[in-house]
N, C-alpha and C. Protein backbone atom coordinates (compact mmCIF):
# COMPACT_ATOMS: atom_id res chain seq x y z
N UNK A 1 17.38 6.34 5.26
CA UNK A 1 16.09 5.68 5.11
C UNK A 1 16.04 4.89 3.81
N UNK A 2 16.64 5.40 2.74
CA UNK A 2 16.54 4.71 1.45
C UNK A 2 17.80 3.93 1.16
N UNK A 3 17.66 2.62 0.99
CA UNK A 3 18.76 1.79 0.53
C UNK A 3 18.80 1.92 -0.98
N UNK A 4 19.99 1.87 -1.56
CA UNK A 4 20.12 2.03 -3.00
C UNK A 4 19.31 0.98 -3.75
N UNK A 5 18.40 1.45 -4.57
CA UNK A 5 17.60 0.56 -5.40
C UNK A 5 16.41 -0.07 -4.70
N UNK A 6 16.20 0.24 -3.42
CA UNK A 6 15.08 -0.37 -2.70
C UNK A 6 13.81 0.45 -2.91
N UNK A 7 12.75 -0.23 -3.17
CA UNK A 7 11.46 0.43 -3.36
C UNK A 7 10.74 0.50 -2.01
N UNK A 8 9.73 1.35 -1.95
CA UNK A 8 8.90 1.45 -0.77
C UNK A 8 7.53 0.87 -1.07
N UNK A 9 6.88 0.32 -0.05
CA UNK A 9 5.58 -0.33 -0.25
C UNK A 9 4.59 0.08 0.83
N UNK A 10 3.35 0.24 0.40
CA UNK A 10 2.21 0.31 1.32
C UNK A 10 1.57 -1.06 1.28
N UNK A 11 1.28 -1.61 2.44
CA UNK A 11 0.60 -2.90 2.52
C UNK A 11 -0.63 -2.72 3.39
N UNK A 12 -1.79 -3.03 2.84
CA UNK A 12 -3.02 -2.77 3.56
C UNK A 12 -4.00 -3.94 3.42
N UNK A 13 -4.68 -4.25 4.51
CA UNK A 13 -5.80 -5.19 4.46
C UNK A 13 -6.97 -4.51 5.15
N UNK A 14 -8.16 -4.87 4.75
CA UNK A 14 -9.34 -4.30 5.39
C UNK A 14 -10.58 -5.07 4.97
N UNK A 15 -11.66 -4.76 5.65
CA UNK A 15 -12.97 -5.26 5.28
C UNK A 15 -13.77 -4.05 4.81
N UNK A 16 -14.12 -4.04 3.53
CA UNK A 16 -14.89 -2.94 2.97
C UNK A 16 -16.34 -3.09 3.45
N UNK A 17 -16.84 -2.04 4.09
CA UNK A 17 -18.21 -2.07 4.62
C UNK A 17 -19.14 -1.09 3.91
N UNK A 18 -18.57 -0.18 3.12
CA UNK A 18 -19.37 0.77 2.34
C UNK A 18 -18.77 0.83 0.94
N UNK A 19 -19.28 -0.02 0.06
CA UNK A 19 -18.71 -0.15 -1.29
C UNK A 19 -18.75 1.17 -2.06
N UNK A 20 -19.83 1.90 -1.97
CA UNK A 20 -19.97 3.16 -2.71
C UNK A 20 -18.91 4.17 -2.28
N UNK A 21 -18.74 4.32 -0.98
CA UNK A 21 -17.73 5.25 -0.47
C UNK A 21 -16.33 4.77 -0.81
N UNK A 22 -16.10 3.45 -0.76
CA UNK A 22 -14.79 2.93 -1.10
C UNK A 22 -14.48 3.15 -2.58
N UNK A 23 -15.47 3.00 -3.45
CA UNK A 23 -15.25 3.25 -4.88
C UNK A 23 -14.91 4.71 -5.14
N UNK A 24 -15.47 5.61 -4.34
CA UNK A 24 -15.11 7.03 -4.44
C UNK A 24 -13.63 7.21 -4.10
N UNK A 25 -13.16 6.53 -3.05
CA UNK A 25 -11.75 6.56 -2.68
C UNK A 25 -10.87 6.05 -3.82
N UNK A 26 -11.23 4.89 -4.37
CA UNK A 26 -10.45 4.28 -5.45
C UNK A 26 -10.38 5.22 -6.65
N UNK A 27 -11.50 5.83 -7.00
CA UNK A 27 -11.56 6.73 -8.14
C UNK A 27 -10.61 7.92 -7.96
N UNK A 28 -10.48 8.39 -6.74
CA UNK A 28 -9.62 9.55 -6.47
C UNK A 28 -8.16 9.17 -6.22
N UNK A 29 -7.95 8.05 -5.55
CA UNK A 29 -6.58 7.70 -5.17
C UNK A 29 -5.77 7.18 -6.35
N UNK A 30 -6.42 6.52 -7.32
CA UNK A 30 -5.69 5.96 -8.46
C UNK A 30 -4.89 7.00 -9.24
N UNK A 31 -5.53 8.06 -9.73
CA UNK A 31 -4.78 9.09 -10.45
C UNK A 31 -3.73 9.78 -9.58
N UNK A 32 -4.06 9.99 -8.30
CA UNK A 32 -3.11 10.64 -7.39
C UNK A 32 -1.87 9.77 -7.21
N UNK A 33 -2.05 8.45 -7.08
CA UNK A 33 -0.90 7.55 -6.94
C UNK A 33 0.07 7.73 -8.10
N UNK A 34 -0.46 7.79 -9.31
CA UNK A 34 0.40 7.98 -10.49
C UNK A 34 1.17 9.29 -10.40
N UNK A 35 0.51 10.34 -9.93
CA UNK A 35 1.15 11.66 -9.80
C UNK A 35 2.36 11.61 -8.86
N UNK A 36 2.30 10.79 -7.82
CA UNK A 36 3.39 10.73 -6.84
C UNK A 36 4.34 9.57 -7.10
N UNK A 37 4.21 8.90 -8.24
CA UNK A 37 5.13 7.83 -8.61
C UNK A 37 4.79 6.47 -8.04
N UNK A 38 3.59 6.33 -7.49
CA UNK A 38 3.17 5.05 -6.94
C UNK A 38 2.28 4.29 -7.91
N UNK A 39 2.12 3.00 -7.64
CA UNK A 39 1.21 2.19 -8.44
C UNK A 39 0.75 1.00 -7.62
N UNK A 40 -0.42 0.49 -7.95
CA UNK A 40 -0.91 -0.71 -7.29
C UNK A 40 -0.09 -1.88 -7.82
N UNK A 41 0.59 -2.55 -6.94
CA UNK A 41 1.48 -3.67 -7.28
C UNK A 41 0.70 -4.98 -7.26
N UNK A 42 -0.21 -5.12 -6.28
CA UNK A 42 -1.02 -6.33 -6.16
C UNK A 42 -2.31 -5.98 -5.43
N UNK A 43 -3.40 -6.68 -5.80
CA UNK A 43 -4.69 -6.47 -5.16
C UNK A 43 -5.43 -7.80 -5.15
N UNK A 44 -6.10 -8.09 -4.03
CA UNK A 44 -6.87 -9.32 -3.92
C UNK A 44 -8.13 -9.03 -3.14
N UNK A 45 -9.28 -9.39 -3.71
CA UNK A 45 -10.55 -9.19 -3.02
C UNK A 45 -11.00 -10.46 -2.28
N UNK A 46 -10.15 -11.48 -2.30
CA UNK A 46 -10.42 -12.70 -1.54
C UNK A 46 -9.13 -13.17 -0.86
N UNK A 47 -8.50 -12.27 -0.06
CA UNK A 47 -7.25 -12.67 0.58
C UNK A 47 -7.49 -13.72 1.65
N UNK A 48 -6.49 -14.50 1.93
CA UNK A 48 -6.55 -15.49 3.00
C UNK A 48 -5.99 -14.86 4.26
N UNK A 49 -6.85 -14.17 5.00
CA UNK A 49 -6.43 -13.47 6.20
C UNK A 49 -5.94 -14.43 7.28
N UNK A 50 -4.84 -14.09 7.89
CA UNK A 50 -4.24 -14.88 8.98
C UNK A 50 -3.82 -13.91 10.08
N UNK A 51 -3.78 -14.39 11.29
CA UNK A 51 -3.23 -13.66 12.42
C UNK A 51 -3.74 -12.22 12.52
N UNK A 52 -5.02 -12.08 12.71
CA UNK A 52 -5.60 -10.76 12.92
C UNK A 52 -6.22 -10.13 11.69
N UNK A 53 -6.07 -10.76 10.54
CA UNK A 53 -6.66 -10.19 9.33
C UNK A 53 -7.75 -11.10 8.75
N UNK A 54 -8.21 -12.07 9.54
CA UNK A 54 -9.28 -12.94 9.09
C UNK A 54 -10.51 -12.09 8.78
N UNK A 55 -11.22 -12.45 7.76
CA UNK A 55 -12.43 -11.73 7.38
C UNK A 55 -12.17 -10.55 6.46
N UNK A 56 -10.92 -10.21 6.22
CA UNK A 56 -10.62 -9.11 5.30
C UNK A 56 -11.10 -9.49 3.90
N UNK A 57 -11.71 -8.53 3.20
CA UNK A 57 -12.13 -8.80 1.83
C UNK A 57 -11.35 -7.95 0.84
N UNK A 58 -10.24 -7.40 1.31
CA UNK A 58 -9.38 -6.61 0.43
C UNK A 58 -7.96 -6.60 0.99
N UNK A 59 -7.00 -6.87 0.13
CA UNK A 59 -5.58 -6.72 0.45
C UNK A 59 -4.94 -6.00 -0.74
N UNK A 60 -4.15 -4.98 -0.44
CA UNK A 60 -3.54 -4.17 -1.50
C UNK A 60 -2.09 -3.90 -1.16
N UNK A 61 -1.23 -3.97 -2.17
CA UNK A 61 0.16 -3.55 -2.04
C UNK A 61 0.39 -2.47 -3.10
N UNK A 62 0.86 -1.31 -2.66
CA UNK A 62 1.23 -0.24 -3.59
C UNK A 62 2.74 -0.08 -3.55
N UNK A 63 3.34 0.11 -4.70
CA UNK A 63 4.79 0.23 -4.82
C UNK A 63 5.16 1.67 -5.16
N UNK A 64 6.24 2.14 -4.54
CA UNK A 64 6.77 3.48 -4.78
C UNK A 64 8.25 3.38 -5.13
N UNK A 65 8.81 4.39 -5.77
CA UNK A 65 10.21 4.33 -6.19
C UNK A 65 11.19 4.14 -5.02
N UNK A 66 10.81 4.57 -3.81
CA UNK A 66 11.69 4.46 -2.66
C UNK A 66 10.86 4.49 -1.38
N UNK A 67 11.49 4.15 -0.28
CA UNK A 67 10.84 4.21 1.03
C UNK A 67 10.44 5.66 1.33
N UNK A 68 11.35 6.57 1.03
CA UNK A 68 11.08 8.00 1.27
C UNK A 68 9.83 8.44 0.51
N UNK A 69 9.72 8.02 -0.75
CA UNK A 69 8.55 8.39 -1.56
C UNK A 69 7.26 7.81 -0.97
N UNK A 70 7.34 6.58 -0.45
CA UNK A 70 6.16 5.95 0.15
C UNK A 70 5.72 6.69 1.41
N UNK A 71 6.67 7.06 2.25
CA UNK A 71 6.35 7.78 3.49
C UNK A 71 5.83 9.17 3.17
N UNK A 72 6.51 9.88 2.27
CA UNK A 72 6.07 11.23 1.92
C UNK A 72 4.68 11.23 1.30
N UNK A 73 4.39 10.24 0.49
CA UNK A 73 3.05 10.14 -0.11
C UNK A 73 2.00 9.95 0.97
N UNK A 74 2.27 9.03 1.90
CA UNK A 74 1.31 8.77 2.98
C UNK A 74 1.10 10.01 3.85
N UNK A 75 2.17 10.70 4.17
CA UNK A 75 2.09 11.85 5.07
C UNK A 75 1.60 13.13 4.39
N UNK A 76 1.46 13.10 3.07
CA UNK A 76 1.06 14.31 2.35
C UNK A 76 -0.36 14.73 2.74
N UNK A 77 -0.62 16.03 2.74
CA UNK A 77 -1.98 16.50 3.04
C UNK A 77 -3.02 15.92 2.08
N UNK A 78 -2.64 15.73 0.83
CA UNK A 78 -3.58 15.18 -0.15
C UNK A 78 -4.00 13.77 0.25
N UNK A 79 -3.01 12.90 0.59
CA UNK A 79 -3.39 11.55 0.94
C UNK A 79 -4.11 11.50 2.28
N UNK A 80 -3.72 12.34 3.21
CA UNK A 80 -4.41 12.33 4.50
C UNK A 80 -5.90 12.65 4.32
N UNK A 81 -6.21 13.55 3.39
CA UNK A 81 -7.63 13.84 3.09
C UNK A 81 -8.29 12.64 2.41
N UNK A 82 -7.59 12.02 1.45
CA UNK A 82 -8.14 10.85 0.76
C UNK A 82 -8.31 9.66 1.71
N UNK A 83 -7.39 9.51 2.62
CA UNK A 83 -7.44 8.34 3.51
C UNK A 83 -8.66 8.35 4.42
N UNK A 84 -9.25 9.50 4.63
CA UNK A 84 -10.48 9.57 5.41
C UNK A 84 -11.57 8.74 4.72
N UNK A 85 -11.65 8.81 3.39
CA UNK A 85 -12.62 7.99 2.65
C UNK A 85 -12.34 6.51 2.87
N UNK A 86 -11.06 6.14 2.83
CA UNK A 86 -10.68 4.73 3.04
C UNK A 86 -11.08 4.28 4.44
N UNK A 87 -10.75 5.08 5.43
CA UNK A 87 -11.06 4.69 6.81
C UNK A 87 -12.56 4.64 7.06
N UNK A 88 -13.31 5.57 6.47
CA UNK A 88 -14.76 5.61 6.68
C UNK A 88 -15.50 4.49 5.95
N UNK A 89 -14.86 3.90 4.95
CA UNK A 89 -15.53 2.86 4.16
C UNK A 89 -15.06 1.44 4.50
N UNK A 90 -14.17 1.32 5.50
CA UNK A 90 -13.64 0.00 5.87
C UNK A 90 -13.65 -0.18 7.39
N UNK A 91 -13.43 -1.43 7.79
CA UNK A 91 -13.22 -1.71 9.21
C UNK A 91 -12.10 -2.74 9.31
N UNK A 92 -11.59 -2.90 10.52
CA UNK A 92 -10.51 -3.87 10.77
C UNK A 92 -9.34 -3.69 9.81
N UNK A 93 -8.99 -2.45 9.54
CA UNK A 93 -7.94 -2.16 8.57
C UNK A 93 -6.54 -2.23 9.20
N UNK A 94 -5.60 -2.69 8.40
CA UNK A 94 -4.18 -2.62 8.74
C UNK A 94 -3.50 -1.79 7.65
N UNK A 95 -2.44 -1.08 8.01
CA UNK A 95 -1.71 -0.28 7.03
C UNK A 95 -0.26 -0.23 7.48
N UNK A 96 0.63 -0.70 6.63
CA UNK A 96 2.06 -0.74 6.94
C UNK A 96 2.83 -0.15 5.77
N UNK A 97 3.88 0.59 6.09
CA UNK A 97 4.81 1.07 5.06
C UNK A 97 6.13 0.35 5.31
N UNK A 98 6.66 -0.27 4.27
CA UNK A 98 7.93 -0.99 4.43
C UNK A 98 8.85 -0.78 3.24
N UNK A 99 10.11 -1.02 3.49
CA UNK A 99 11.12 -0.89 2.44
C UNK A 99 11.44 -2.27 1.87
N UNK A 100 11.55 -2.33 0.54
CA UNK A 100 11.91 -3.57 -0.11
C UNK A 100 13.40 -3.84 -0.02
N UNK A 101 13.83 -4.88 -0.67
CA UNK A 101 15.25 -5.24 -0.65
C UNK A 101 16.04 -4.30 -1.54
N UNK A 102 17.25 -3.97 -1.09
CA UNK A 102 18.11 -3.12 -1.92
C UNK A 102 18.79 -3.97 -2.99
N UNK A 103 19.46 -3.32 -3.91
CA UNK A 103 20.09 -4.02 -5.04
C UNK A 103 21.13 -5.04 -4.58
N UNK A 104 21.92 -4.71 -3.55
CA UNK A 104 22.95 -5.64 -3.06
C UNK A 104 22.31 -6.89 -2.49
N UNK A 105 21.23 -6.73 -1.75
CA UNK A 105 20.54 -7.89 -1.17
C UNK A 105 19.94 -8.76 -2.28
N UNK A 106 19.40 -8.13 -3.32
CA UNK A 106 18.84 -8.90 -4.43
C UNK A 106 19.94 -9.71 -5.12
N UNK A 107 21.09 -9.10 -5.30
CA UNK A 107 22.21 -9.78 -5.94
C UNK A 107 22.69 -10.96 -5.10
N UNK A 108 22.83 -10.75 -3.79
CA UNK A 108 23.25 -11.84 -2.90
C UNK A 108 22.23 -12.99 -2.97
N UNK A 109 20.98 -12.67 -2.96
CA UNK A 109 19.94 -13.70 -3.02
C UNK A 109 20.02 -14.47 -4.34
N UNK A 110 20.20 -13.74 -5.44
CA UNK A 110 20.29 -14.37 -6.75
C UNK A 110 21.50 -15.31 -6.83
N UNK A 111 22.56 -14.97 -6.09
CA UNK A 111 23.78 -15.78 -6.10
C UNK A 111 23.72 -16.91 -5.07
N UNK A 112 22.59 -17.01 -4.36
CA UNK A 112 22.43 -18.08 -3.39
C UNK A 112 23.13 -17.82 -2.07
N UNK A 113 23.40 -16.57 -1.76
CA UNK A 113 24.09 -16.24 -0.50
C UNK A 113 23.16 -15.59 0.47
């Protein structure tokens, strides 16, 4: 599952419909992310939604040390409890876990191959 040097990512878009409940999620998920080695890599409250994500008012990418860490974090009982707040405070949400490029792929790209 883990390519050498490849990071894992959560990619999410949604429309926040309950700001107060969503802020409760953010307040709780931020410190927990740090505990599991994750961090918010990018966030946009005015994303340009395309192909099924039109109208989204939030896009977030979280980075983890590896794909395994990203999957384990998502599947953990702690996050499953926290994610209920996210789901209850948003609509039209997407959530994807993906693996980034490994070190060899980055090197090939840098060399123009």
